[in-house]
């Protein structure tokens, strides 16, 4: 089965209005220009991949989208309205959820406890209010089942899960709490082949629920497996955006590597690059 047939891609969202639109975003840190006029948008039900090598500006860009940084210049629109996020919580409450590489999970705690961390359902009133563990366990098991993960039980420690399964817990948690846009920061970078396949399959499930996915990666092959559109960053600038089928893996890789810079280097080294 090829990557193109394994996942169903979102041609149906071509003419749909973006959920989030970033226009000419600049971010300065003192004299350092981390982003220099980057534009990017993501639509419901599509996976828009943000590609670039280390230092390209990917992390700064997603932190600007998710409320960690305020842009120095540029505009952010959410569901067609101008928006300014003062904190990550503001972005999260609007529906922009970010799953970072560290996942913000406590390995010795149960999957349920990690799933509901900071948002625990309660029962009772006043001084008798307490964590409704029975309801939480039921929800956790059901949401993980939807994502294709069969836990031994809700009290299973997160630390006993594989890297791919932990990614799926974090994604399922974001979806359950109402994400409209899911930002995934290098979710496959430290995973083996099988775990990577599981995470890519989870992204596909999320997209089919109408959630827009921003997939940050430096791995062209992983991006092509699930991506509908591809934007390449290099040194804080956008090198271009292409739809699936409009660009080859080799062209994407070349753009990420710097294009003309690599060609010149290869020429100077006698074609050995």
Protein backbone atom coordinates (compact mmCIF):
# COMPACT_ATOMS: atom_id res chain seq x y z
CA UNK A 1 0.00 0.00 0.00
CA UNK A 2 1.48 3.34 -1.00
CA UNK A 3 1.44 6.48 1.10
CA UNK A 4 -0.96 8.13 -1.37
CA UNK A 5 -3.54 5.34 -1.03
CA UNK A 6 -3.13 4.77 2.67
CA UNK A 7 -4.56 8.15 3.64
CA UNK A 8 -7.46 10.12 2.17
CA UNK A 9 -6.60 13.71 1.43
CA UNK A 10 -8.68 16.85 1.73
CA UNK A 11 -9.42 18.16 -1.75
CA UNK A 12 -12.92 19.00 -0.49
CA UNK A 13 -11.54 21.80 1.71
CA UNK A 14 -9.92 23.78 -1.11
CA UNK A 15 -12.65 26.44 -1.17
CA UNK A 16 -13.41 26.44 2.56
CA UNK A 17 -12.52 29.52 4.62
CA UNK A 18 -9.50 29.11 6.93
CA UNK A 19 -9.99 28.67 10.65
CA UNK A 20 -6.70 30.45 11.32
CA UNK A 21 -4.96 32.85 8.99
CA UNK A 22 -1.56 34.41 9.70
CA UNK A 23 -0.71 37.37 7.45
CA UNK A 24 2.81 38.77 6.98
CA UNK A 25 3.93 37.76 10.46
CA UNK A 26 7.20 39.21 11.72
CA UNK A 27 8.82 38.39 15.03
CA UNK A 28 11.87 40.23 16.30
CA UNK A 29 13.95 39.35 19.36
CA UNK A 30 16.02 42.50 19.78
CA UNK A 31 18.11 42.77 16.61
CA UNK A 32 17.37 39.19 15.60
CA UNK A 33 14.59 38.75 13.03
CA UNK A 34 13.19 35.26 13.64
CA UNK A 35 10.25 35.63 11.22
CA UNK A 36 10.25 37.98 8.24
CA UNK A 37 6.78 38.30 6.75
CA UNK A 38 5.43 34.73 6.97
CA UNK A 39 1.87 34.04 5.78
CA UNK A 40 0.12 30.76 6.54
CA UNK A 41 -3.41 29.47 7.00
CA UNK A 42 -5.11 26.21 7.87
CA UNK A 43 -8.63 25.10 6.98
CA UNK A 44 -10.99 22.73 8.79
CA UNK A 45 -10.36 19.13 7.84
CA UNK A 46 -6.96 19.67 6.22
CA UNK A 47 -3.40 18.92 7.23
CA UNK A 48 -1.12 21.84 6.37
CA UNK A 49 2.52 20.87 6.84
CA UNK A 50 5.06 23.47 7.91
CA UNK A 51 8.46 22.24 6.80
CA UNK A 52 11.96 23.47 7.39
CA UNK A 53 15.35 22.52 8.70
CA UNK A 54 16.57 23.38 12.21
CA UNK A 55 16.67 27.15 12.64
CA UNK A 56 14.14 27.80 9.88
CA UNK A 57 11.72 29.54 12.25
CA UNK A 58 9.14 26.76 12.68
CA UNK A 59 9.11 26.84 16.49
CA UNK A 60 8.86 30.63 16.65
CA UNK A 61 6.01 30.59 14.17
CA UNK A 62 3.90 28.02 16.00
CA UNK A 63 4.55 29.75 19.32
CA UNK A 64 3.22 32.93 17.72
CA UNK A 65 0.16 31.10 16.43
CA UNK A 66 -0.50 29.51 19.82
CA UNK A 67 -0.15 32.63 21.97
CA UNK A 68 3.31 32.07 23.45
CA UNK A 69 4.74 35.02 21.46
CA UNK A 70 2.99 38.14 20.23
CA UNK A 71 3.97 39.06 16.67
CA UNK A 72 6.07 42.17 16.17
CA UNK A 73 4.15 42.86 12.97
CA UNK A 74 1.40 41.17 11.01
CA UNK A 75 -2.16 40.06 11.63
CA UNK A 76 -3.83 36.92 12.97
CA UNK A 77 -7.40 36.03 12.01
CA UNK A 78 -9.42 33.34 13.73
CA UNK A 79 -12.64 32.25 12.00
CA UNK A 80 -12.47 35.41 9.91
CA UNK A 81 -12.09 37.83 12.83
CA UNK A 82 -8.94 39.73 13.86
CA UNK A 83 -7.51 38.05 16.92
CA UNK A 84 -4.77 38.73 19.44
CA UNK A 85 -3.78 36.02 21.90
CA UNK A 86 -2.13 37.32 25.06
CA UNK A 87 -1.43 33.87 26.49
CA UNK A 88 -1.43 30.23 25.36
CA UNK A 89 -4.60 29.78 27.42
CA UNK A 90 -6.34 32.41 25.26
CA UNK A 91 -5.42 30.43 22.15
CA UNK A 92 -6.46 27.17 23.77
CA UNK A 93 -9.84 28.54 24.81
CA UNK A 94 -10.40 29.73 21.23
CA UNK A 95 -9.68 26.21 20.00
CA UNK A 96 -5.96 26.19 19.09
CA UNK A 97 -4.27 23.26 20.83
CA UNK A 98 -0.55 22.56 20.62
CA UNK A 99 1.10 19.20 21.23
CA UNK A 100 4.78 19.88 21.86
CA UNK A 101 7.55 17.29 21.69
CA UNK A 102 7.81 16.99 25.48
CA UNK A 103 4.03 16.23 25.66
CA UNK A 104 3.71 17.71 29.19
CA UNK A 105 2.84 14.34 30.75
CA UNK A 106 3.81 12.73 34.06
CA UNK A 107 5.05 9.18 33.33
CA UNK A 108 4.12 7.66 36.71
CA UNK A 109 0.56 8.97 36.60
CA UNK A 110 -2.26 7.04 34.95
CA UNK A 111 -3.47 7.71 31.43
CA UNK A 112 -6.74 9.05 32.85
CA UNK A 113 -4.98 11.46 35.22
CA UNK A 114 -2.79 12.74 32.38
CA UNK A 115 -5.77 12.97 30.03
CA UNK A 116 -7.72 15.24 32.41
CA UNK A 117 -4.81 17.06 34.06
CA UNK A 118 -6.09 20.48 35.13
CA UNK A 119 -9.57 19.81 33.72
CA UNK A 120 -10.83 17.05 36.00
CA UNK A 121 -14.59 16.34 35.93
CA UNK A 122 -16.15 16.56 39.36
CA UNK A 123 -19.27 15.41 41.16
CA UNK A 124 -20.89 16.62 44.33
CA UNK A 125 -21.15 20.19 45.59
CA UNK A 126 -19.25 22.49 47.88
CA UNK A 127 -16.91 20.73 50.29
CA UNK A 128 -18.15 17.37 48.97
CA UNK A 129 -17.01 18.08 45.39
CA UNK A 130 -14.50 15.51 44.21
CA UNK A 131 -12.87 14.12 41.09
CA UNK A 132 -15.37 11.90 39.26
CA UNK A 133 -12.89 9.13 38.53
CA UNK A 134 -15.52 6.69 37.24
CA UNK A 135 -16.70 9.12 34.56
CA UNK A 136 -13.12 10.14 33.74
CA UNK A 137 -12.08 6.51 33.27
CA UNK A 138 -15.01 5.83 30.93
CA UNK A 139 -14.26 8.91 28.82
CA UNK A 140 -10.54 8.18 28.65
CA UNK A 141 -11.00 4.56 27.57
CA UNK A 142 -13.58 5.54 24.92
CA UNK A 143 -11.52 8.42 23.48
CA UNK A 144 -8.42 6.24 23.27
CA UNK A 145 -10.43 3.47 21.61
CA UNK A 146 -11.60 5.95 18.97
CA UNK A 147 -7.96 6.66 18.21
CA UNK A 148 -7.12 2.97 17.89
CA UNK A 149 -5.35 2.54 21.24
CA UNK A 150 -6.54 -0.30 23.47
CA UNK A 151 -5.30 0.32 27.00
CA UNK A 152 -4.91 -2.43 29.60
CA UNK A 153 -7.00 -0.16 31.78
CA UNK A 154 -7.45 3.55 32.58
CA UNK A 155 -5.05 3.27 35.50
CA UNK A 156 -2.21 2.18 33.22
CA UNK A 157 0.77 4.50 33.74
CA UNK A 158 1.57 6.77 30.80
CA UNK A 159 5.23 5.81 31.15
CA UNK A 160 4.41 2.24 30.06
CA UNK A 161 3.07 3.44 26.68
CA UNK A 162 5.17 3.70 23.55
CA UNK A 163 6.17 7.11 22.21
CA UNK A 164 3.52 6.90 19.52
CA UNK A 165 0.84 5.96 22.02
CA UNK A 166 1.77 8.91 24.24
CA UNK A 167 1.47 11.19 21.22
CA UNK A 168 -1.98 9.73 20.61
CA UNK A 169 -3.01 10.39 24.23
CA UNK A 170 -1.99 14.04 23.83
CA UNK A 171 -3.83 14.35 20.51
CA UNK A 172 -6.97 12.63 21.84
CA UNK A 173 -6.93 14.94 24.88
CA UNK A 174 -6.77 18.04 22.66
CA UNK A 175 -9.58 16.80 20.44
CA UNK A 176 -11.81 15.90 23.38
CA UNK A 177 -11.44 19.38 24.86
CA UNK A 178 -12.61 21.08 21.69
CA UNK A 179 -9.61 21.78 19.48
CA UNK A 180 -10.49 23.35 16.14
CA UNK A 181 -6.83 23.59 15.16
CA UNK A 182 -4.28 21.03 16.30
CA UNK A 183 -0.62 22.05 16.10
CA UNK A 184 1.77 19.10 16.21
CA UNK A 185 5.42 19.96 16.84
CA UNK A 186 7.65 17.29 15.23
CA UNK A 187 5.39 14.45 16.46
CA UNK A 188 7.33 11.72 14.60
CA UNK A 189 10.89 12.95 15.08
CA UNK A 190 11.90 10.44 17.77
CA UNK A 191 9.69 7.50 16.77
CA UNK A 192 10.33 4.21 15.03
CA UNK A 193 8.57 3.13 11.85
CA UNK A 194 5.59 1.42 13.49
CA UNK A 195 5.02 4.20 16.03
CA UNK A 196 5.27 6.79 13.27
CA UNK A 197 2.62 4.96 11.26
CA UNK A 198 0.31 4.99 14.30
CA UNK A 199 0.74 8.75 14.77
CA UNK A 200 0.15 9.46 11.08
CA UNK A 201 -3.00 7.33 11.21
CA UNK A 202 -4.16 9.35 14.25
CA UNK A 203 -3.60 12.60 12.33
CA UNK A 204 -5.73 11.20 9.53
CA UNK A 205 -8.55 10.37 11.98
CA UNK A 206 -8.40 13.88 13.44
CA UNK A 207 -8.56 15.51 10.02
CA UNK A 208 -11.63 13.48 9.15
CA UNK A 209 -13.37 14.96 12.20
CA UNK A 210 -13.11 18.37 10.56
CA UNK A 211 -10.20 19.57 12.68
CA UNK A 212 -7.42 21.51 10.96
CA UNK A 213 -3.96 20.09 11.59
CA UNK A 214 -0.69 22.02 11.45
CA UNK A 215 2.02 19.37 11.13
CA UNK A 216 5.51 20.75 11.84
CA UNK A 217 8.28 18.54 10.54
CA UNK A 218 11.65 18.35 8.85
CA UNK A 219 10.79 14.91 7.46
CA UNK A 220 9.42 15.25 3.92
CA UNK A 221 8.31 11.61 3.69
CA UNK A 222 6.20 11.83 6.86
CA UNK A 223 4.66 15.12 5.72
CA UNK A 224 3.77 13.74 2.29
CA UNK A 225 2.00 10.78 3.90
CA UNK A 226 -0.72 12.97 5.45
CA UNK A 227 -0.30 16.52 4.13
CA UNK A 228 -2.78 18.38 1.91
CA UNK A 229 -0.62 21.51 1.63
CA UNK A 230 3.05 22.16 2.29
CA UNK A 231 4.71 25.43 3.28
CA UNK A 232 8.49 25.61 3.52
CA UNK A 233 10.32 28.00 5.84
CA UNK A 234 13.96 28.94 5.51
CA UNK A 235 15.67 31.45 7.79
CA UNK A 236 12.36 32.95 8.86
CA UNK A 237 10.96 33.40 5.36
CA UNK A 238 8.38 31.48 3.37
CA UNK A 239 9.88 29.82 0.30
CA UNK A 240 6.50 28.78 -1.03
CA UNK A 241 3.29 26.80 -0.51
CA UNK A 242 2.15 23.90 -2.68
CA UNK A 243 -0.79 21.53 -2.70
CA UNK A 244 -0.46 17.77 -2.79
CA UNK A 245 0.41 16.70 -6.31
CA UNK A 246 1.91 20.08 -7.24
CA UNK A 247 5.40 19.34 -5.95
CA UNK A 248 7.62 16.28 -5.84
CA UNK A 249 9.38 14.93 -2.74
CA UNK A 250 12.70 15.91 -4.32
CA UNK A 251 11.54 19.49 -4.90
CA UNK A 252 10.30 19.78 -1.31
CA UNK A 253 13.57 18.40 0.04
CA UNK A 254 15.53 20.79 -2.14
CA UNK A 255 13.53 23.78 -0.90
CA UNK A 256 14.08 22.76 2.70
CA UNK A 257 17.81 22.37 2.11
CA UNK A 258 18.09 25.88 0.71
CA UNK A 259 17.68 25.25 -3.00
CA UNK A 260 20.18 27.45 -4.79
CA UNK A 261 22.57 27.41 -1.84
CA UNK A 262 22.82 23.62 -1.99
CA UNK A 263 23.22 23.66 -5.77
CA UNK A 264 26.10 26.11 -5.50
CA UNK A 265 27.72 24.07 -2.73
CA UNK A 266 27.36 20.88 -4.74
CA UNK A 267 28.99 22.57 -7.71
CA UNK A 268 31.91 23.82 -5.64
CA UNK A 269 32.48 20.33 -4.21
CA UNK A 270 32.32 18.62 -7.56
CA UNK A 271 28.85 17.10 -7.18
CA UNK A 272 29.59 15.25 -3.93
CA UNK A 273 26.80 16.74 -1.79
